[in-house]
Amino acid sequence: MKIAFDAKRFFHNTSGLGNYSRDLVRILSQYYPENEYLLLNKNRSERGKEILERPDVRFVETSKGNLSRQFKMGKDAQKEGAQIFHGLSGELPLKWGKEPIKKIVTIHDLIFMRYPQYYSFFDRKIHLWKFKKAAVSADKIIAISEQTKRDIITYLKVPETKIEVIYQGCHKAFKEQQSEEFIQLTKEKFNLPERFILNVGTIEDRKNLLSIVKGISGTEIPLVVVGRKTNYYKKVEAFIKKNKIEKQILFLEGVSMDELAVIYKLADIFVYPSFFEGFGIPVIEAIFSKTAVITSNISCLPEAGGEDSVYVDPGSYEDIGAKIKFLWENESERKRRAEKSFMFVQKFNDEPIGAQLIDLYKKIL
């Protein structure tokens, strides 16, 4: 098979959609090298360089011009003889030539519909228009969780038979064992506490960091936070200063993927009380790192966390604080949950995900 991908996110996004795109192509190339994988974009970057070095993966520069991604990329894929075009981030080209080509689109979430307050009116309208167009044009839609599948049916009015749920995995760094020397260097570089709880993700309202901070206020439990700051950070910072807990909370920036993998492994507990996620990759990263997880009892997070994560009401900082305190003080319970969760998370490994993707590609041809 010859499969073309919209590689904009592959080359230009550092996390989220970028990681999904790079991991998907890497997995397919690793387990199914007999196919040809074309990465279409107007330019390339250093991201994913090692994937492009594989003999079955090739960069294709799209035709020049305004809106070439929307109006020329599809035709470029057809000219290359691609049998399938896969849009990796909720979009598909708007124009196609006469050559036959099957179309798949991955939709990660419809947060802009569920939480419109986080988006401008214009952004909401544009997102909805693009996603609806892609959903109509696609032969099949991949949803990255059952939650996203339900949202696609509800908001995009797509028949259930058109949607396949294929979970995403996580970066290989979280499945590897870093050297003792590198672990020690990471500890020293970021001046990590001997014991700590961890939160990873953009510091924004939806991710609910303030509830963690409120939950541990009045304790001596150190919190390490890794994530990009938004305006919401000011609200968190104001609470920290007012309650004089600056020394208890450490904000990290400029963390590499390998360093992040080490930080996950060193944490006693990973805490992720988000109000809504398309899937919740940080939960998977934590479980692969054999770290006990506390996360929300809503959205898709129980899908990612499995039976042995601890679940909280994200609207109750008291509940979050009580569950943190319970696990913090019970090492055997942390270990038990981490070990059982590690067995559960194997279904998010590369090989089963690759097999599901290839089965879907074959099915539509």
Foldseek 3Di string as FASTA:
>chain_A
DEEEEACPLCAPPPDDLVQQVLLLLQLLCVPPVVYAYEHEDQDHHCRSVVSCVRPRYHYDHWDDDPPCQQATRQQSCVVVVHQEYEYRELAHHPYHDDRHHAYEYEYLALVCVVPVVVDDPVVNVVSLVRNLSSLVRHQAYEQQFVLRLVVCCVSSVHDSVRYDHFHAFGDCLLLDDDDPVVLVVLCVVQVDDQEAEEEEEALDDQQQPLLQVVLCQVHQHAYEYEHHYDPNVVVSVVVCVVSVPVVRYGYDYPADPNSVSSVLLSYQEYETAGPEGSACNVLLSNLSSLHAYEYAPDYNDCVNQDDLHHHAHSVHSNRVNVVCVVSVPDSVSRNVSSVVSNVVSCCNDSPVSSVVVVVVVVVVD
